[in-house]
PDB file of N, CA and C in Angstrom:
ATOM      1  N   MET A   1      -0.434  22.927  31.077  1.00  0.00           N
ATOM      2  CA  MET A   1       0.294  23.136  29.846  1.00  0.00           C
ATOM      3  C   MET A   1       1.721  23.611  30.142  1.00  0.00           C
ATOM      4  N   ARG A   2       2.685  23.013  29.452  1.00  0.00           N
ATOM      5  CA  ARG A   2       4.075  23.387  29.682  1.00  0.00           C
ATOM      6  C   ARG A   2       4.669  23.956  28.379  1.00  0.00           C
ATOM      7  N   ILE A   3       5.429  24.987  28.507  1.00  0.00           N
ATOM      8  CA  ILE A   3       6.078  25.620  27.378  1.00  0.00           C
ATOM      9  C   ILE A   3       7.569  25.216  27.387  1.00  0.00           C
ATOM     10  N   LEU A   4       8.100  24.776  26.249  1.00  0.00           N
ATOM     11  CA  LEU A   4       9.503  24.374  26.146  1.00  0.00           C
ATOM     12  C   LEU A   4      10.341  25.564  25.602  1.00  0.00           C
ATOM     13  N   SER A   5      11.492  25.704  26.194  1.00  0.00           N
ATOM     14  CA  SER A   5      12.446  26.723  25.675  1.00  0.00           C
ATOM     15  C   SER A   5      13.158  26.157  24.483  1.00  0.00           C
ATOM     16  N   LYS A   6      13.952  27.028  23.835  1.00  0.00           N
ATOM     17  CA  LYS A   6      14.746  26.526  22.676  1.00  0.00           C
ATOM     18  C   LYS A   6      15.687  25.398  23.120  1.00  0.00           C
ATOM     19  N   ARG A   7      16.281  25.537  24.299  1.00  0.00           N
ATOM     20  CA  ARG A   7      17.208  24.507  24.736  1.00  0.00           C
ATOM     21  C   ARG A   7      16.468  23.198  25.010  1.00  0.00           C
ATOM     22  N   GLN A   8      15.334  23.260  25.679  1.00  0.00           N
ATOM     23  CA  GLN A   8      14.506  22.078  25.998  1.00  0.00           C
ATOM     24  C   GLN A   8      14.049  21.427  24.656  1.00  0.00           C
ATOM     25  N   LEU A   9      13.681  22.243  23.694  1.00  0.00           N
ATOM     26  CA  LEU A   9      13.225  21.724  22.428  1.00  0.00           C
ATOM     27  C   LEU A   9      14.350  20.945  21.708  1.00  0.00           C
ATOM     28  N   LYS A  10      15.543  21.565  21.736  1.00  0.00           N
ATOM     29  CA  LYS A  10      16.693  20.911  21.071  1.00  0.00           C
ATOM     30  C   LYS A  10      17.035  19.577  21.728  1.00  0.00           C
ATOM     31  N   GLU A  11      16.839  19.480  23.073  1.00  0.00           N
ATOM     32  CA  GLU A  11      17.125  18.241  23.749  1.00  0.00           C
ATOM     33  C   GLU A  11      16.122  17.136  23.329  1.00  0.00           C
ATOM     34  N   LEU A  12      14.902  17.548  23.052  1.00  0.00           N
ATOM     35  CA  LEU A  12      13.837  16.595  22.691  1.00  0.00           C
ATOM     36  C   LEU A  12      13.913  16.224  21.192  1.00  0.00           C
ATOM     37  N   VAL A  13      14.165  17.178  20.304  1.00  0.00           N
ATOM     38  CA  VAL A  13      14.016  16.990  18.904  1.00  0.00           C
ATOM     39  C   VAL A  13      15.403  16.746  18.225  1.00  0.00           C
ATOM     40  N   LEU A  14      16.417  17.296  18.748  1.00  0.00           N
ATOM     41  CA  LEU A  14      17.782  17.111  18.215  1.00  0.00           C
ATOM     42  C   LEU A  14      18.000  17.740  16.826  1.00  0.00           C
ATOM     43  N   TYR A  15      17.217  18.788  16.507  1.00  0.00           N
ATOM     44  CA  TYR A  15      17.347  19.538  15.285  1.00  0.00           C
ATOM     45  C   TYR A  15      17.965  20.882  15.601  1.00  0.00           C
ATOM     46  N   SER A  16      18.636  21.459  14.635  1.00  0.00           N
ATOM     47  CA  SER A  16      19.219  22.791  14.818  1.00  0.00           C
ATOM     48  C   SER A  16      18.068  23.817  14.808  1.00  0.00           C
ATOM     49  N   PRO A  17      18.253  24.989  15.427  1.00  0.00           N
ATOM     50  CA  PRO A  17      17.210  26.000  15.359  1.00  0.00           C
ATOM     51  C   PRO A  17      16.807  26.391  13.961  1.00  0.00           C
ATOM     52  N   GLN A  18      17.790  26.376  13.044  1.00  0.00           N
ATOM     53  CA  GLN A  18      17.466  26.719  11.640  1.00  0.00           C
ATOM     54  C   GLN A  18      16.571  25.693  11.012  1.00  0.00           C
ATOM     55  N   HIS A  19      16.813  24.437  11.300  1.00  0.00           N
ATOM     56  CA  HIS A  19      15.989  23.358  10.717  1.00  0.00           C
ATOM     57  C   HIS A  19      14.570  23.377  11.276  1.00  0.00           C
ATOM     58  N   VAL A  20      14.486  23.685  12.567  1.00  0.00           N
ATOM     59  CA  VAL A  20      13.132  23.781  13.223  1.00  0.00           C
ATOM     60  C   VAL A  20      12.398  24.982  12.555  1.00  0.00           C
ATOM     61  N   ALA A  21      13.077  26.081  12.294  1.00  0.00           N
ATOM     62  CA  ALA A  21      12.422  27.226  11.655  1.00  0.00           C
ATOM     63  C   ALA A  21      11.924  26.876  10.225  1.00  0.00           C
ATOM     64  N   ARG A  22      12.741  26.118   9.510  1.00  0.00           N
ATOM     65  CA  ARG A  22      12.336  25.682   8.128  1.00  0.00           C
ATOM     66  C   ARG A  22      11.127  24.800   8.195  1.00  0.00           C
ATOM     67  N   LEU A  23      11.098  23.854   9.145  1.00  0.00           N
ATOM     68  CA  LEU A  23       9.945  22.964   9.287  1.00  0.00           C
ATOM     69  C   LEU A  23       8.699  23.709   9.672  1.00  0.00           C
ATOM     70  N   GLU A  24       8.836  24.646  10.595  1.00  0.00           N
ATOM     71  CA  GLU A  24       7.711  25.511  11.002  1.00  0.00           C
ATOM     72  C   GLU A  24       7.127  26.263   9.792  1.00  0.00           C
ATOM     73  N   LYS A  25       8.030  26.870   9.000  1.00  0.00           N
ATOM     74  CA  LYS A  25       7.615  27.668   7.833  1.00  0.00           C
ATOM     75  C   LYS A  25       6.881  26.787   6.842  1.00  0.00           C
ATOM     76  N   ALA A  26       7.296  25.536   6.733  1.00  0.00           N
ATOM     77  CA  ALA A  26       6.664  24.602   5.757  1.00  0.00           C
ATOM     78  C   ALA A  26       5.399  23.971   6.333  1.00  0.00           C
ATOM     79  N   GLY A  27       5.081  24.311   7.613  1.00  0.00           N
ATOM     80  CA  GLY A  27       3.899  23.748   8.226  1.00  0.00           C
ATOM     81  C   GLY A  27       4.077  22.247   8.694  1.00  0.00           C
ATOM     82  N   GLN A  28       5.347  21.829   8.858  1.00  0.00           N
ATOM     83  CA  GLN A  28       5.631  20.480   9.228  1.00  0.00           C
ATOM     84  C   GLN A  28       6.070  20.304  10.654  1.00  0.00           C
ATOM     85  N   PHE A  29       5.935  21.338  11.454  1.00  0.00           N
ATOM     86  CA  PHE A  29       6.379  21.314  12.876  1.00  0.00           C
ATOM     87  C   PHE A  29       5.469  22.301  13.640  1.00  0.00           C
ATOM     88  N   PRO A  30       5.204  21.975  14.916  1.00  0.00           N
ATOM     89  CA  PRO A  30       4.338  22.898  15.691  1.00  0.00           C
ATOM     90  C   PRO A  30       4.910  24.298  15.729  1.00  0.00           C
ATOM     91  N   ARG A  31       4.044  25.252  15.629  1.00  0.00           N
ATOM     92  CA  ARG A  31       4.448  26.662  15.613  1.00  0.00           C
ATOM     93  C   ARG A  31       4.849  27.128  16.981  1.00  0.00           C
ATOM     94  N   ARG A  32       5.830  27.989  17.014  1.00  0.00           N
ATOM     95  CA  ARG A  32       6.288  28.595  18.252  1.00  0.00           C
ATOM     96  C   ARG A  32       5.283  29.570  18.809  1.00  0.00           C
ATOM     97  N   VAL A  33       5.382  29.850  20.100  1.00  0.00           N
ATOM     98  CA  VAL A  33       4.524  30.850  20.791  1.00  0.00           C
ATOM     99  C   VAL A  33       5.439  32.012  21.195  1.00  0.00           C
ATOM    100  N   GLN A  34       5.045  33.205  20.804  1.00  0.00           N
ATOM    101  CA  GLN A  34       5.796  34.384  21.210  1.00  0.00           C
ATOM    102  C   GLN A  34       5.463  34.727  22.659  1.00  0.00           C
ATOM    103  N   LEU A  35       6.476  34.636  23.563  1.00  0.00           N
ATOM    104  CA  LEU A  35       6.213  34.860  24.961  1.00  0.00           C
ATOM    105  C   LEU A  35       6.579  36.249  25.366  1.00  0.00           C
ATOM    106  N   GLY A  36       7.349  36.917  24.587  1.00  0.00           N
ATOM    107  CA  GLY A  36       7.800  38.283  24.886  1.00  0.00           C
ATOM    108  C   GLY A  36       8.532  38.808  23.645  1.00  0.00           C
ATOM    109  N   PRO A  37       9.100  40.032  23.758  1.00  0.00           N
ATOM    110  CA  PRO A  37       9.775  40.553  22.602  1.00  0.00           C
ATOM    111  C   PRO A  37      10.996  39.717  22.136  1.00  0.00           C
ATOM    112  N   ASN A  38      11.633  39.085  23.042  1.00  0.00           N
ATOM    113  CA  ASN A  38      12.874  38.279  22.726  1.00  0.00           C
ATOM    114  C   ASN A  38      12.785  36.882  23.222  1.00  0.00           C
ATOM    115  N   ARG A  39      11.594  36.359  23.397  1.00  0.00           N
ATOM    116  CA  ARG A  39      11.411  34.999  23.969  1.00  0.00           C
ATOM    117  C   ARG A  39      10.342  34.208  23.261  1.00  0.00           C
ATOM    118  N   VAL A  40      10.731  33.004  22.856  1.00  0.00           N
ATOM    119  CA  VAL A  40       9.685  32.112  22.234  1.00  0.00           C
ATOM    120  C   VAL A  40       9.734  30.796  22.958  1.00  0.00           C
ATOM    121  N   GLY A  41       8.699  30.039  22.718  1.00  0.00           N
ATOM    122  CA  GLY A  41       8.626  28.667  23.284  1.00  0.00           C
ATOM    123  C   GLY A  41       7.679  27.839  22.445  1.00  0.00           C
ATOM    124  N   TRP A  42       7.635  26.558  22.730  1.00  0.00           N
ATOM    125  CA  TRP A  42       6.754  25.586  22.037  1.00  0.00           C
ATOM    126  C   TRP A  42       5.921  24.850  23.045  1.00  0.00           C
ATOM    127  N   VAL A  43       4.689  24.593  22.716  1.00  0.00           N
ATOM    128  CA  VAL A  43       3.783  23.835  23.614  1.00  0.00           C
ATOM    129  C   VAL A  43       4.266  22.389  23.621  1.00  0.00           C
ATOM    130  N   GLU A  44       4.601  21.904  24.794  1.00  0.00           N
ATOM    131  CA  GLU A  44       5.185  20.573  24.963  1.00  0.00           C
ATOM    132  C   GLU A  44       4.295  19.495  24.360  1.00  0.00           C
ATOM    133  N   ASP A  45       2.964  19.532  24.602  1.00  0.00           N
ATOM    134  CA  ASP A  45       2.065  18.488  24.118  1.00  0.00           C
ATOM    135  C   ASP A  45       2.056  18.451  22.583  1.00  0.00           C
ATOM    136  N   GLU A  46       2.140  19.604  21.927  1.00  0.00           N
ATOM    137  CA  GLU A  46       2.192  19.655  20.477  1.00  0.00           C
ATOM    138  C   GLU A  46       3.455  19.018  19.927  1.00  0.00           C
ATOM    139  N   VAL A  47       4.587  19.303  20.547  1.00  0.00           N
ATOM    140  CA  VAL A  47       5.841  18.724  20.127  1.00  0.00           C
ATOM    141  C   VAL A  47       5.873  17.231  20.352  1.00  0.00           C
ATOM    142  N   LEU A  48       5.333  16.786  21.486  1.00  0.00           N
ATOM    143  CA  LEU A  48       5.303  15.349  21.769  1.00  0.00           C
ATOM    144  C   LEU A  48       4.382  14.635  20.821  1.00  0.00           C
ATOM    145  N   ASP A  49       3.248  15.250  20.443  1.00  0.00           N
ATOM    146  CA  ASP A  49       2.357  14.655  19.408  1.00  0.00           C
ATOM    147  C   ASP A  49       3.067  14.533  18.080  1.00  0.00           C
ATOM    148  N   TRP A  50       3.831  15.595  17.715  1.00  0.00           N
ATOM    149  CA  TRP A  50       4.597  15.573  16.501  1.00  0.00           C
ATOM    150  C   TRP A  50       5.590  14.372  16.484  1.00  0.00           C
ATOM    151  N   LEU A  51       6.303  14.256  17.599  1.00  0.00           N
ATOM    152  CA  LEU A  51       7.261  13.148  17.717  1.00  0.00           C
ATOM    153  C   LEU A  51       6.580  11.806  17.602  1.00  0.00           C
ATOM    154  N   LYS A  52       5.415  11.686  18.273  1.00  0.00           N
ATOM    155  CA  LYS A  52       4.704  10.395  18.240  1.00  0.00           C
ATOM    156  C   LYS A  52       4.265  10.044  16.808  1.00  0.00           C
ATOM    157  N   LYS A  53       3.841  11.045  16.042  1.00  0.00           N
ATOM    158  CA  LYS A  53       3.481  10.797  14.623  1.00  0.00           C
ATOM    159  C   LYS A  53       4.652  10.388  13.809  1.00  0.00           C
ATOM    160  N   ARG A  54       5.784  10.975  14.090  1.00  0.00           N
ATOM    161  CA  ARG A  54       7.041  10.580  13.397  1.00  0.00           C
ATOM    162  C   ARG A  54       7.386   9.137  13.680  1.00  0.00           C
ATOM    163  N   LEU A  55       7.249   8.742  14.939  1.00  0.00           N
ATOM    164  CA  LEU A  55       7.550   7.354  15.289  1.00  0.00           C
ATOM    165  C   LEU A  55       6.538   6.369  14.651  1.00  0.00           C
ATOM    166  N   GLU A  56       5.274   6.758  14.600  1.00  0.00           N
ATOM    167  CA  GLU A  56       4.247   5.891  13.990  1.00  0.00           C
ATOM    168  C   GLU A  56       4.559   5.729  12.520  1.00  0.00           C
ATOM    169  N   CYS A  57       4.983   6.775  11.838  1.00  0.00           N
ATOM    170  CA  CYS A  57       5.349   6.659  10.399  1.00  0.00           C
ATOM    171  C   CYS A  57       6.515   5.694  10.192  1.00  0.00           C
ATOM    172  N   ARG A  58       7.426   5.732  11.127  1.00  0.00           N
ATOM    173  CA  ARG A  58       8.599   4.878  11.025  1.00  0.00           C
ATOM    174  C   ARG A  58       8.217   3.421  11.138  1.00  0.00           C
ATOM    175  N   GLU A  59       7.194   3.114  11.932  1.00  0.00           N
ATOM    176  CA  GLU A  59       6.795   1.720  12.210  1.00  0.00           C
ATOM    177  C   GLU A  59       5.942   1.155  11.080  1.00  0.00           C
ATOM    178  N   GLU A  60       5.354   2.015  10.228  1.00  0.00           N
ATOM    179  CA  GLU A  60       4.509   1.524   9.180  1.00  0.00           C
ATOM    180  C   GLU A  60       5.378   0.938   8.043  1.00  0.00           C
ATOM    181  N   PRO A  61       4.941  -0.164   7.460  1.00  0.00           N
ATOM    182  CA  PRO A  61       5.742  -0.727   6.344  1.00  0.00           C
ATOM    183  C   PRO A  61       5.710   0.213   5.177  1.00  0.00           C
ATOM    184  N   GLU A  62       6.810   0.261   4.439  1.00  0.00           N
ATOM    185  CA  GLU A  62       6.909   1.132   3.281  1.00  0.00           C
ATOM    186  C   GLU A  62       6.032   0.563   2.140  1.00  0.00           C
ATOM    187  N   ARG A  63       5.286   1.436   1.477  1.00  0.00           N
ATOM    188  CA  ARG A  63       4.411   1.037   0.395  1.00  0.00           C
ATOM    189  C   ARG A  63       5.100   1.366  -0.953  1.00  0.00           C
ATOM    190  N   ARG A  64       5.155   0.431  -1.854  1.00  0.00           N
ATOM    191  CA  ARG A  64       5.731   0.631  -3.150  1.00  0.00           C
ATOM    192  C   ARG A  64       4.640   0.443  -4.194  1.00  0.00           C
ATOM    193  N   SER A  65       4.735   1.250  -5.239  1.00  0.00           N
ATOM    194  CA  SER A  65       3.743   1.196  -6.317  1.00  0.00           C
ATOM    195  C   SER A  65       4.074   0.050  -7.272  1.00  0.00           C
TER     196      SER A  65
END
């Protein structure tokens, strides 16, 4: 298991730290792991799964009522 730093996460996801925090709070992004008093990280596999789901949604045809 690999833990991503804030910098590594931003390279992968391209969202600002504030937007990531909003998504986490809304339950729409993997939760961070507290590594120490001033250090957090994200489980790489969870972030990659989240990205994969976003890509799959993009590929599905849009449904209209």
